[in-house]
Amino acid sequence: MANLGFVGLGVMGGNMVARLLEKGHVVTGYNRTRAKAQWLIDKGMRWADSPRAVCAASDVTFSMVTNSAALKAITEGPDGILSALGAGKLLIDMSTVSPEVSRALAEKVRSQGGDMVDAPVSGSVVTLQQGKLSVMVGGRPETFEKVKALLGDIGPKVTYVGGNGIALSMKIAINLSLAVQMLAFSEGVLLAEKSGIAREVAVDVLTHSAVASPMIQYRGPFVLQQPEEAWFDVNMMQKDLMLAMDLGRALDVPLPTTALSNEFLTAARGMGWEKLDFAVVFDVLARMSGVKTGVAK
């Protein structure tokens, strides 16, 4: 049993806390909107009124927020994590942000006597609930060894990939493929549909074919009906694609399919669909193809 803190209790962060509680850990949590955390409080999570209070109460603090700006908001200032992070305390940031931002934060943590690893994940809320999440870790090897078992309580596949920020490069490399795969899948569904094959049949065949990655298997049906709450919305995915293109430019790696997929996400935003799951690229392409969908108006 460990004394843990968790800042950022969205869909993924909240379900991670639920798993940690099930493993018997003490968890103190904070979220910008307390109402969204009530189900975790009901499960035994202790509530704190600020990120600082979470860190002060914990030996190891997890954070999982939407972007670099949100990470800065929860770590800096009088109520931030850094204000309570002293010698011996550890920070595990699971947010998907730029590697440079993460490395800079790690240096601040170490200057105060603590240490930090970046630990982004690959998978969805369903993968997490099924206990199949994959975790990548960047940081000092000795710190990785200290937190490996804790991360294993969240997802069984925990891989050390290198120094601080390197795990984020790996996560960005994975996420660009999600958008590209979803766009290609949408092309196949629409080509089949306009050939006279029912959309439901096309989705069923494709999600059981050689092209059906785990992501296509669980997200492919979203072209038939969007989930009530986006698992990973357009804005979040476009943020990751922008991180990928920035990294590609810095490393001289052309990312042509990433750039094209990004344009479809921009089109989705232009159509007012930015809060929908990024599978809505299907609806963008459908509109261009003259095909009606449940989302398109």
C-alpha atoms as a PDB file:
ATOM      1  CA  MET A   1       0.000   0.000   0.000  1.00  0.00           C
ATOM      2  CA  ALA A   2       1.342   3.427  -0.944  1.00  0.00           C
ATOM      3  CA  ASN A   3       0.382   6.970  -0.011  1.00  0.00           C
ATOM      4  CA  LEU A   4      -0.495   8.482  -3.374  1.00  0.00           C
ATOM      5  CA  GLY A   5      -1.846  11.725  -4.795  1.00  0.00           C
ATOM      6  CA  PHE A   6      -3.564  12.305  -8.129  1.00  0.00           C
ATOM      7  CA  VAL A   7      -4.226  15.642  -9.834  1.00  0.00           C
ATOM      8  CA  GLY A   8      -6.513  15.590 -12.866  1.00  0.00           C
ATOM      9  CA  LEU A   9      -9.504  13.273 -12.540  1.00  0.00           C
ATOM     10  CA  GLY A  10     -10.913  13.260 -16.046  1.00  0.00           C
ATOM     11  CA  VAL A  11     -12.074  10.105 -17.814  1.00  0.00           C
ATOM     12  CA  MET A  12      -8.631   8.495 -17.875  1.00  0.00           C
ATOM     13  CA  GLY A  13      -7.266   9.956 -14.642  1.00  0.00           C
ATOM     14  CA  GLY A  14     -10.415   9.070 -12.736  1.00  0.00           C
ATOM     15  CA  ASN A  15     -10.350   5.468 -13.885  1.00  0.00           C
ATOM     16  CA  MET A  16      -6.668   5.231 -12.973  1.00  0.00           C
ATOM     17  CA  VAL A  17      -7.506   6.360  -9.455  1.00  0.00           C
ATOM     18  CA  ALA A  18     -10.250   3.734  -9.295  1.00  0.00           C
ATOM     19  CA  ARG A  19      -7.694   1.043 -10.136  1.00  0.00           C
ATOM     20  CA  LEU A  20      -5.235   2.348  -7.548  1.00  0.00           C
ATOM     21  CA  LEU A  21      -7.964   2.315  -4.899  1.00  0.00           C
ATOM     22  CA  GLU A  22      -8.870  -1.252  -5.857  1.00  0.00           C
ATOM     23  CA  LYS A  23      -5.220  -2.208  -5.316  1.00  0.00           C
ATOM     24  CA  GLY A  24      -5.472  -0.935  -1.738  1.00  0.00           C
ATOM     25  CA  HIS A  25      -3.524   2.311  -2.060  1.00  0.00           C
ATOM     26  CA  VAL A  26      -4.430   5.478  -0.180  1.00  0.00           C
ATOM     27  CA  VAL A  27      -5.191   8.149  -2.789  1.00  0.00           C
ATOM     28  CA  THR A  28      -5.707  11.868  -2.236  1.00  0.00           C
ATOM     29  CA  GLY A  29      -7.125  13.590  -5.303  1.00  0.00           C
ATOM     30  CA  TYR A  30      -7.904  16.974  -6.786  1.00  0.00           C
ATOM     31  CA  ASN A  31      -9.835  18.011  -9.864  1.00  0.00           C
ATOM     32  CA  ARG A  32     -10.826  21.439 -11.068  1.00  0.00           C
ATOM     33  CA  THR A  33     -14.478  20.350 -10.873  1.00  0.00           C
ATOM     34  CA  ARG A  34     -15.166  18.448  -7.647  1.00  0.00           C
ATOM     35  CA  ALA A  35     -18.500  17.079  -8.865  1.00  0.00           C
ATOM     36  CA  LYS A  36     -16.685  14.966 -11.472  1.00  0.00           C
ATOM     37  CA  ALA A  37     -14.672  13.353  -8.679  1.00  0.00           C
ATOM     38  CA  GLN A  38     -17.599  12.485  -6.409  1.00  0.00           C
ATOM     39  CA  TRP A  39     -17.769   8.883  -7.633  1.00  0.00           C
ATOM     40  CA  LEU A  40     -14.137   8.445  -6.568  1.00  0.00           C
ATOM     41  CA  ILE A  41     -14.778  10.061  -3.180  1.00  0.00           C
ATOM     42  CA  ASP A  42     -17.604   7.556  -2.760  1.00  0.00           C
ATOM     43  CA  LYS A  43     -15.051   4.785  -3.446  1.00  0.00           C
ATOM     44  CA  GLY A  44     -12.757   6.051  -0.697  1.00  0.00           C
ATOM     45  CA  MET A  45     -10.558   8.646  -2.361  1.00  0.00           C
ATOM     46  CA  ARG A  46      -9.581  11.506  -0.069  1.00  0.00           C
ATOM     47  CA  TRP A  47     -10.362  14.964  -1.447  1.00  0.00           C
ATOM     48  CA  ALA A  48      -7.899  17.874  -1.388  1.00  0.00           C
ATOM     49  CA  ASP A  49      -8.709  21.483  -2.260  1.00  0.00           C
ATOM     50  CA  SER A  50      -5.607  22.173  -4.374  1.00  0.00           C
ATOM     51  CA  PRO A  51      -2.731  20.459  -6.191  1.00  0.00           C
ATOM     52  CA  ARG A  52      -0.459  21.713  -3.403  1.00  0.00           C
ATOM     53  CA  ALA A  53      -2.596  19.959  -0.793  1.00  0.00           C
ATOM     54  CA  VAL A  54      -2.469  16.724  -2.814  1.00  0.00           C
ATOM     55  CA  CYS A  55       1.324  16.807  -2.994  1.00  0.00           C
ATOM     56  CA  ALA A  56       1.678  17.747   0.694  1.00  0.00           C
ATOM     57  CA  ALA A  57      -0.382  14.691   1.668  1.00  0.00           C
ATOM     58  CA  SER A  58       1.396  12.225  -0.621  1.00  0.00           C
ATOM     59  CA  ASP A  59       4.735  10.529  -1.126  1.00  0.00           C
ATOM     60  CA  VAL A  60       4.120  10.051  -4.842  1.00  0.00           C
ATOM     61  CA  THR A  61       1.913  12.437  -6.827  1.00  0.00           C
ATOM     62  CA  PHE A  62       0.433  11.565 -10.213  1.00  0.00           C
ATOM     63  CA  SER A  63      -0.767  14.230 -12.630  1.00  0.00           C
ATOM     64  CA  MET A  64      -2.755  13.852 -15.831  1.00  0.00           C
ATOM     65  CA  VAL A  65      -4.017  16.989 -17.540  1.00  0.00           C
ATOM     66  CA  THR A  66      -4.864  18.049 -21.070  1.00  0.00           C
ATOM     67  CA  ASN A  67      -1.902  20.106 -22.268  1.00  0.00           C
ATOM     68  CA  SER A  68       1.210  22.113 -21.386  1.00  0.00           C
ATOM     69  CA  ALA A  69      -0.785  25.108 -20.174  1.00  0.00           C
ATOM     70  CA  ALA A  70      -2.830  22.920 -17.820  1.00  0.00           C
ATOM     71  CA  LEU A  71       0.344  21.253 -16.535  1.00  0.00           C
ATOM     72  CA  LYS A  72       1.841  24.653 -15.762  1.00  0.00           C
ATOM     73  CA  ALA A  73      -1.377  25.672 -13.982  1.00  0.00           C
ATOM     74  CA  ILE A  74      -1.313  22.691 -11.603  1.00  0.00           C
ATOM     75  CA  THR A  75       2.425  22.738 -10.901  1.00  0.00           C
ATOM     76  CA  GLU A  76       3.285  26.423 -10.519  1.00  0.00           C
ATOM     77  CA  GLY A  77       2.088  29.184  -8.194  1.00  0.00           C
ATOM     78  CA  PRO A  78       1.236  29.152  -4.482  1.00  0.00           C
ATOM     79  CA  ASP A  79      -1.302  26.329  -4.885  1.00  0.00           C
ATOM     80  CA  GLY A  80       0.767  24.301  -7.332  1.00  0.00           C
ATOM     81  CA  ILE A  81       2.407  20.912  -6.856  1.00  0.00           C
ATOM     82  CA  LEU A  82       5.909  22.400  -6.862  1.00  0.00           C
ATOM     83  CA  SER A  83       5.113  24.513  -3.807  1.00  0.00           C
ATOM     84  CA  ALA A  84       4.808  21.333  -1.710  1.00  0.00           C
ATOM     85  CA  LEU A  85       7.303  19.108  -3.507  1.00  0.00           C
ATOM     86  CA  GLY A  86      10.328  18.621  -1.286  1.00  0.00           C
ATOM     87  CA  ALA A  87      13.109  16.120  -0.710  1.00  0.00           C
ATOM     88  CA  GLY A  88      12.166  12.511  -1.312  1.00  0.00           C
ATOM     89  CA  LYS A  89       8.837  13.219  -3.021  1.00  0.00           C
ATOM     90  CA  LEU A  90       8.158  11.904  -6.513  1.00  0.00           C
ATOM     91  CA  LEU A  91       6.034  13.272  -9.356  1.00  0.00           C
ATOM     92  CA  ILE A  92       4.696  10.989 -12.090  1.00  0.00           C
ATOM     93  CA  ASP A  93       3.283  13.105 -14.905  1.00  0.00           C
ATOM     94  CA  MET A  94       1.060  11.134 -17.270  1.00  0.00           C
ATOM     95  CA  SER A  95      -0.004  14.114 -19.401  1.00  0.00           C
ATOM     96  CA  THR A  96       0.812  14.258 -23.107  1.00  0.00           C
ATOM     97  CA  VAL A  97       2.822  17.459 -23.475  1.00  0.00           C
ATOM     98  CA  SER A  98       5.942  18.460 -25.394  1.00  0.00           C
ATOM     99  CA  PRO A  99       9.126  16.645 -24.333  1.00  0.00           C
ATOM    100  CA  GLU A 100      10.810  20.019 -23.740  1.00  0.00           C
ATOM    101  CA  VAL A 101       8.113  21.159 -21.319  1.00  0.00           C
ATOM    102  CA  SER A 102       8.358  17.880 -19.434  1.00  0.00           C
ATOM    103  CA  ARG A 103      12.144  18.031 -19.154  1.00  0.00           C
ATOM    104  CA  ALA A 104      11.985  21.594 -17.854  1.00  0.00           C
ATOM    105  CA  LEU A 105       9.498  20.547 -15.179  1.00  0.00           C
ATOM    106  CA  ALA A 106      11.701  17.614 -14.170  1.00  0.00           C
ATOM    107  CA  GLU A 107      14.606  20.004 -13.611  1.00  0.00           C
ATOM    108  CA  LYS A 108      12.464  22.162 -11.324  1.00  0.00           C
ATOM    109  CA  VAL A 109      11.391  19.094  -9.358  1.00  0.00           C
ATOM    110  CA  ARG A 110      15.001  17.978  -8.906  1.00  0.00           C
ATOM    111  CA  SER A 111      16.107  21.436  -7.835  1.00  0.00           C
ATOM    112  CA  GLN A 112      13.756  20.993  -4.858  1.00  0.00           C
ATOM    113  CA  GLY A 113      15.129  17.598  -3.896  1.00  0.00           C
ATOM    114  CA  GLY A 114      12.460  15.439  -5.498  1.00  0.00           C
ATOM    115  CA  ASP A 115      12.391  13.556  -8.776  1.00  0.00           C
ATOM    116  CA  MET A 116      10.020  13.075 -11.696  1.00  0.00           C
ATOM    117  CA  VAL A 117       9.257  10.670 -14.501  1.00  0.00           C
ATOM    118  CA  ASP A 118       7.012  11.210 -17.500  1.00  0.00           C
ATOM    119  CA  ALA A 119       4.687   8.231 -17.918  1.00  0.00           C
ATOM    120  CA  PRO A 120       2.205   8.689 -20.786  1.00  0.00           C
ATOM    121  CA  VAL A 121      -0.065   5.784 -21.660  1.00  0.00           C
ATOM    122  CA  SER A 122      -1.330   4.069 -24.775  1.00  0.00           C
ATOM    123  CA  GLY A 123      -4.924   2.869 -24.776  1.00  0.00           C
ATOM    124  CA  SER A 124      -8.468   3.991 -24.146  1.00  0.00           C
ATOM    125  CA  VAL A 125     -10.725   4.032 -21.122  1.00  0.00           C
ATOM    126  CA  VAL A 126     -11.906   0.548 -22.163  1.00  0.00           C
ATOM    127  CA  THR A 127      -8.305  -0.691 -22.355  1.00  0.00           C
ATOM    128  CA  LEU A 128      -7.686   0.776 -18.904  1.00  0.00           C
ATOM    129  CA  GLN A 129     -10.788  -0.814 -17.388  1.00  0.00           C
ATOM    130  CA  GLN A 130      -9.846  -4.172 -18.911  1.00  0.00           C
ATOM    131  CA  GLY A 131      -6.378  -3.961 -17.368  1.00  0.00           C
ATOM    132  CA  LYS A 132      -4.608  -3.824 -20.732  1.00  0.00           C
ATOM    133  CA  LEU A 133      -3.151  -0.314 -20.683  1.00  0.00           C
ATOM    134  CA  SER A 134       0.447   0.233 -21.808  1.00  0.00           C
ATOM    135  CA  VAL A 135       2.647   2.713 -19.910  1.00  0.00           C
ATOM    136  CA  MET A 136       5.861   4.274 -21.231  1.00  0.00           C
ATOM    137  CA  VAL A 137       8.306   5.834 -18.781  1.00  0.00           C
ATOM    138  CA  GLY A 138      11.039   8.424 -19.177  1.00  0.00           C
ATOM    139  CA  GLY A 139      13.381   9.510 -16.382  1.00  0.00           C
ATOM    140  CA  ARG A 140      16.239   8.254 -14.265  1.00  0.00           C
ATOM    141  CA  PRO A 141      16.490   4.432 -14.213  1.00  0.00           C
ATOM    142  CA  GLU A 142      16.629   4.318 -10.413  1.00  0.00           C
ATOM    143  CA  THR A 143      13.443   6.403 -10.159  1.00  0.00           C
ATOM    144  CA  PHE A 144      11.735   4.164 -12.689  1.00  0.00           C
ATOM    145  CA  GLU A 145      12.492   1.164 -10.486  1.00  0.00           C
ATOM    146  CA  LYS A 146      10.854   2.941  -7.540  1.00  0.00           C
ATOM    147  CA  VAL A 147       7.592   3.586  -9.385  1.00  0.00           C
ATOM    148  CA  LYS A 148       7.418   0.567 -11.709  1.00  0.00           C
ATOM    149  CA  ALA A 149       5.166  -1.462  -9.409  1.00  0.00           C
ATOM    150  CA  LEU A 150       2.780   1.474  -8.906  1.00  0.00           C
ATOM    151  CA  LEU A 151       2.476   1.974 -12.642  1.00  0.00           C
ATOM    152  CA  GLY A 152       1.913  -1.753 -13.005  1.00  0.00           C
ATOM    153  CA  ASP A 153      -1.175  -1.373 -10.845  1.00  0.00           C
ATOM    154  CA  ILE A 154      -2.561   0.952 -13.529  1.00  0.00           C
ATOM    155  CA  GLY A 155      -1.493  -0.991 -16.615  1.00  0.00           C
ATOM    156  CA  PRO A 156       0.338  -4.314 -16.848  1.00  0.00           C
ATOM    157  CA  LYS A 157       2.731  -3.283 -19.642  1.00  0.00           C
ATOM    158  CA  VAL A 158       5.255  -0.808 -18.204  1.00  0.00           C
ATOM    159  CA  THR A 159       8.283  -0.022 -20.381  1.00  0.00           C
ATOM    160  CA  TYR A 160      11.292   2.148 -19.599  1.00  0.00           C
ATOM    161  CA  VAL A 161      12.273   3.960 -22.798  1.00  0.00           C
ATOM    162  CA  GLY A 162      14.967   6.430 -21.696  1.00  0.00           C
ATOM    163  CA  GLY A 163      15.592   9.773 -20.033  1.00  0.00           C
ATOM    164  CA  ASN A 164      13.055  12.457 -19.228  1.00  0.00           C
ATOM    165  CA  GLY A 165      10.902  13.416 -22.196  1.00  0.00           C
ATOM    166  CA  ILE A 166      11.709  10.320 -24.243  1.00  0.00           C
ATOM    167  CA  ALA A 167       8.518   8.531 -23.210  1.00  0.00           C
ATOM    168  CA  LEU A 168       6.586  11.518 -24.510  1.00  0.00           C
ATOM    169  CA  SER A 169       8.327  11.243 -27.871  1.00  0.00           C
ATOM    170  CA  MET A 170       7.198   7.602 -27.945  1.00  0.00           C
ATOM    171  CA  LYS A 171       3.616   8.543 -27.017  1.00  0.00           C
ATOM    172  CA  ILE A 172       3.500  11.208 -29.733  1.00  0.00           C
ATOM    173  CA  ALA A 173       4.810   8.673 -32.253  1.00  0.00           C
ATOM    174  CA  ILE A 174       1.956   6.344 -31.297  1.00  0.00           C
ATOM    175  CA  ASN A 175      -0.828   8.924 -31.315  1.00  0.00           C
ATOM    176  CA  LEU A 176      -0.133  10.274 -34.774  1.00  0.00           C
ATOM    177  CA  SER A 177      -0.876   6.784 -36.076  1.00  0.00           C
ATOM    178  CA  LEU A 178      -4.287   6.737 -34.362  1.00  0.00           C
ATOM    179  CA  ALA A 179      -5.515   9.690 -36.391  1.00  0.00           C
ATOM    180  CA  VAL A 180      -4.004   8.356 -39.610  1.00  0.00           C
ATOM    181  CA  GLN A 181      -5.572   4.923 -39.081  1.00  0.00           C
ATOM    182  CA  MET A 182      -8.974   6.434 -38.334  1.00  0.00           C
ATOM    183  CA  LEU A 183      -8.930   8.482 -41.518  1.00  0.00           C
ATOM    184  CA  ALA A 184      -7.914   5.469 -43.616  1.00  0.00           C
ATOM    185  CA  PHE A 185     -10.641   3.379 -41.982  1.00  0.00           C
ATOM    186  CA  SER A 186     -13.178   6.117 -42.799  1.00  0.00           C
ATOM    187  CA  GLU A 187     -12.097   6.066 -46.440  1.00  0.00           C
ATOM    188  CA  GLY A 188     -12.668   2.314 -46.591  1.00  0.00           C
ATOM    189  CA  VAL A 189     -16.095   2.505 -44.969  1.00  0.00           C
ATOM    190  CA  LEU A 190     -17.275   5.258 -47.309  1.00  0.00           C
ATOM    191  CA  LEU A 191     -15.912   3.556 -50.417  1.00  0.00           C
ATOM    192  CA  ALA A 192     -17.791   0.392 -49.446  1.00  0.00           C
ATOM    193  CA  GLU A 193     -20.954   2.328 -48.577  1.00  0.00           C
ATOM    194  CA  LYS A 194     -21.077   4.193 -51.869  1.00  0.00           C
ATOM    195  CA  SER A 195     -20.533   0.871 -53.654  1.00  0.00           C
ATOM    196  CA  GLY A 196     -23.848  -0.273 -52.175  1.00  0.00           C
ATOM    197  CA  ILE A 197     -22.709  -2.004 -48.978  1.00  0.00           C
ATOM    198  CA  ALA A 198     -24.555  -1.057 -45.795  1.00  0.00           C
ATOM    199  CA  ARG A 199     -22.386   1.002 -43.448  1.00  0.00           C
ATOM    200  CA  GLU A 200     -23.005  -1.410 -40.569  1.00  0.00           C
ATOM    201  CA  VAL A 201     -21.829  -4.332 -42.711  1.00  0.00           C
ATOM    202  CA  ALA A 202     -18.733  -2.455 -43.873  1.00  0.00           C
ATOM    203  CA  VAL A 203     -17.806  -1.576 -40.286  1.00  0.00           C
ATOM    204  CA  ASP A 204     -18.328  -5.170 -39.153  1.00  0.00           C
ATOM    205  CA  VAL A 205     -16.150  -6.584 -41.933  1.00  0.00           C
ATOM    206  CA  LEU A 206     -13.368  -4.022 -41.533  1.00  0.00           C
ATOM    207  CA  THR A 207     -13.213  -4.339 -37.736  1.00  0.00           C
ATOM    208  CA  HIS A 208     -12.715  -8.108 -38.163  1.00  0.00           C
ATOM    209  CA  SER A 209     -10.246  -7.877 -41.020  1.00  0.00           C
ATOM    210  CA  ALA A 210      -6.459  -7.649 -41.332  1.00  0.00           C
ATOM    211  CA  VAL A 211      -6.603  -3.848 -40.954  1.00  0.00           C
ATOM    212  CA  ALA A 212      -8.321  -4.007 -37.558  1.00  0.00           C
ATOM    213  CA  SER A 213      -5.832  -2.716 -35.010  1.00  0.00           C
ATOM    214  CA  PRO A 214      -7.030  -2.667 -31.381  1.00  0.00           C
ATOM    215  CA  MET A 215      -7.883   1.024 -31.838  1.00  0.00           C
ATOM    216  CA  ILE A 216      -9.955   0.334 -34.974  1.00  0.00           C
ATOM    217  CA  GLN A 217     -11.767  -2.483 -33.189  1.00  0.00           C
ATOM    218  CA  TYR A 218     -12.993  -0.255 -30.366  1.00  0.00           C
ATOM    219  CA  ARG A 219     -13.280   3.064 -32.204  1.00  0.00           C
ATOM    220  CA  GLY A 220     -14.443   1.899 -35.629  1.00  0.00           C
ATOM    221  CA  PRO A 221     -18.076   1.515 -34.466  1.00  0.00           C
ATOM    222  CA  PHE A 222     -18.051   5.224 -33.592  1.00  0.00           C
ATOM    223  CA  VAL A 223     -18.678   5.945 -37.282  1.00  0.00           C
ATOM    224  CA  LEU A 224     -22.118   4.437 -36.663  1.00  0.00           C
ATOM    225  CA  GLN A 225     -22.774   6.363 -33.451  1.00  0.00           C
ATOM    226  CA  GLN A 226     -20.592   8.728 -31.465  1.00  0.00           C
ATOM    227  CA  PRO A 227     -20.182   7.885 -27.762  1.00  0.00           C
ATOM    228  CA  GLU A 228     -22.164   9.983 -25.300  1.00  0.00           C
ATOM    229  CA  GLU A 229     -18.877  11.382 -23.961  1.00  0.00           C
ATOM    230  CA  ALA A 230     -15.857  11.651 -26.249  1.00  0.00           C
ATOM    231  CA  TRP A 231     -13.071   9.269 -25.305  1.00  0.00           C
ATOM    232  CA  PHE A 232     -10.542  11.521 -27.028  1.00  0.00           C
ATOM    233  CA  ASP A 233     -11.965  14.614 -28.641  1.00  0.00           C
ATOM    234  CA  VAL A 234     -10.884  16.508 -31.755  1.00  0.00           C
ATOM    235  CA  ASN A 235      -9.070  19.226 -29.813  1.00  0.00           C
ATOM    236  CA  MET A 236      -7.060  16.677 -27.832  1.00  0.00           C
ATOM    237  CA  MET A 237      -6.067  14.691 -30.892  1.00  0.00           C
ATOM    238  CA  GLN A 238      -5.135  17.811 -32.844  1.00  0.00           C
ATOM    239  CA  LYS A 239      -2.961  18.925 -29.936  1.00  0.00           C
ATOM    240  CA  ASP A 240      -1.050  15.652 -30.210  1.00  0.00           C
ATOM    241  CA  LEU A 241      -0.710  15.922 -33.991  1.00  0.00           C
ATOM    242  CA  MET A 242       0.701  19.425 -33.610  1.00  0.00           C
ATOM    243  CA  LEU A 243       3.215  18.058 -31.091  1.00  0.00           C
ATOM    244  CA  ALA A 244       4.113  15.364 -33.626  1.00  0.00           C
ATOM    245  CA  MET A 245       4.641  17.838 -36.451  1.00  0.00           C
ATOM    246  CA  ASP A 246       6.757  20.093 -34.230  1.00  0.00           C
ATOM    247  CA  LEU A 247       8.888  17.086 -33.296  1.00  0.00           C
ATOM    248  CA  GLY A 248       9.092  15.956 -36.909  1.00  0.00           C
ATOM    249  CA  ARG A 249      10.269  19.373 -37.999  1.00  0.00           C
ATOM    250  CA  ALA A 250      12.902  19.467 -35.245  1.00  0.00           C
ATOM    251  CA  LEU A 251      14.189  15.995 -36.169  1.00  0.00           C
ATOM    252  CA  ASP A 252      13.874  16.338 -39.968  1.00  0.00           C
ATOM    253  CA  VAL A 253      11.277  13.571 -40.217  1.00  0.00           C
ATOM    254  CA  PRO A 254       8.553  14.276 -42.810  1.00  0.00           C
ATOM    255  CA  LEU A 255       5.071  13.346 -41.567  1.00  0.00           C
ATOM    256  CA  PRO A 256       2.831  13.617 -44.655  1.00  0.00           C
ATOM    257  CA  THR A 257      -0.082  11.463 -43.460  1.00  0.00           C
ATOM    258  CA  THR A 258      -0.021  13.209 -40.084  1.00  0.00           C
ATOM    259  CA  ALA A 259      -0.305  16.591 -41.787  1.00  0.00           C
ATOM    260  CA  LEU A 260      -3.256  15.423 -43.895  1.00  0.00           C
ATOM    261  CA  SER A 261      -5.043  13.931 -40.893  1.00  0.00           C
ATOM    262  CA  ASN A 262      -4.531  17.205 -39.062  1.00  0.00           C
ATOM    263  CA  GLU A 263      -6.366  19.071 -41.833  1.00  0.00           C
ATOM    264  CA  PHE A 264      -9.407  16.839 -41.357  1.00  0.00           C
ATOM    265  CA  LEU A 265      -9.383  17.651 -37.649  1.00  0.00           C
ATOM    266  CA  THR A 266      -9.255  21.351 -38.530  1.00  0.00           C
ATOM    267  CA  ALA A 267     -12.273  20.805 -40.794  1.00  0.00           C
ATOM    268  CA  ALA A 268     -14.095  19.056 -37.925  1.00  0.00           C
ATOM    269  CA  ARG A 269     -13.452  22.071 -35.712  1.00  0.00           C
ATOM    270  CA  GLY A 270     -14.735  24.354 -38.450  1.00  0.00           C
ATOM    271  CA  MET A 271     -17.941  22.331 -38.517  1.00  0.00           C
ATOM    272  CA  GLY A 272     -18.395  22.742 -34.768  1.00  0.00           C
ATOM    273  CA  TRP A 273     -17.454  19.174 -33.871  1.00  0.00           C
ATOM    274  CA  GLU A 274     -14.360  19.866 -31.750  1.00  0.00           C
ATOM    275  CA  LYS A 275     -15.836  18.280 -28.606  1.00  0.00           C
ATOM    276  CA  LEU A 276     -16.738  15.025 -30.353  1.00  0.00           C
ATOM    277  CA  ASP A 277     -14.487  11.986 -30.443  1.00  0.00           C
ATOM    278  CA  PHE A 278     -11.879  12.335 -33.172  1.00  0.00           C
ATOM    279  CA  ALA A 279     -13.608   9.463 -35.038  1.00  0.00           C
ATOM    280  CA  VAL A 280     -15.745  12.332 -36.385  1.00  0.00           C
ATOM    281  CA  VAL A 281     -13.195  12.613 -39.210  1.00  0.00           C
ATOM    282  CA  PHE A 282     -15.491  10.015 -40.782  1.00  0.00           C
ATOM    283  CA  ASP A 283     -18.331  12.543 -40.802  1.00  0.00           C
ATOM    284  CA  VAL A 284     -16.062  15.191 -42.324  1.00  0.00           C
ATOM    285  CA  LEU A 285     -15.128  12.823 -45.147  1.00  0.00           C
ATOM    286  CA  ALA A 286     -18.752  11.686 -45.488  1.00  0.00           C
ATOM    287  CA  ARG A 287     -19.914  15.247 -45.988  1.00  0.00           C
ATOM    288  CA  MET A 288     -17.263  15.705 -48.683  1.00  0.00           C
ATOM    289  CA  SER A 289     -18.558  12.488 -50.278  1.00  0.00           C
ATOM    290  CA  GLY A 290     -22.195  13.584 -50.267  1.00  0.00           C
ATOM    291  CA  VAL A 291     -23.136  11.011 -47.641  1.00  0.00           C
ATOM    292  CA  LYS A 292     -25.369  11.868 -44.672  1.00  0.00           C
ATOM    293  CA  THR A 293     -24.458  10.796 -41.143  1.00  0.00           C
ATOM    294  CA  GLY A 294     -26.036  11.174 -37.719  1.00  0.00           C
ATOM    295  CA  VAL A 295     -23.577  13.898 -36.760  1.00  0.00           C
ATOM    296  CA  ALA A 296     -23.679  15.960 -39.942  1.00  0.00           C
ATOM    297  CA  LYS A 297     -26.428  18.556 -40.118  1.00  0.00           C
END
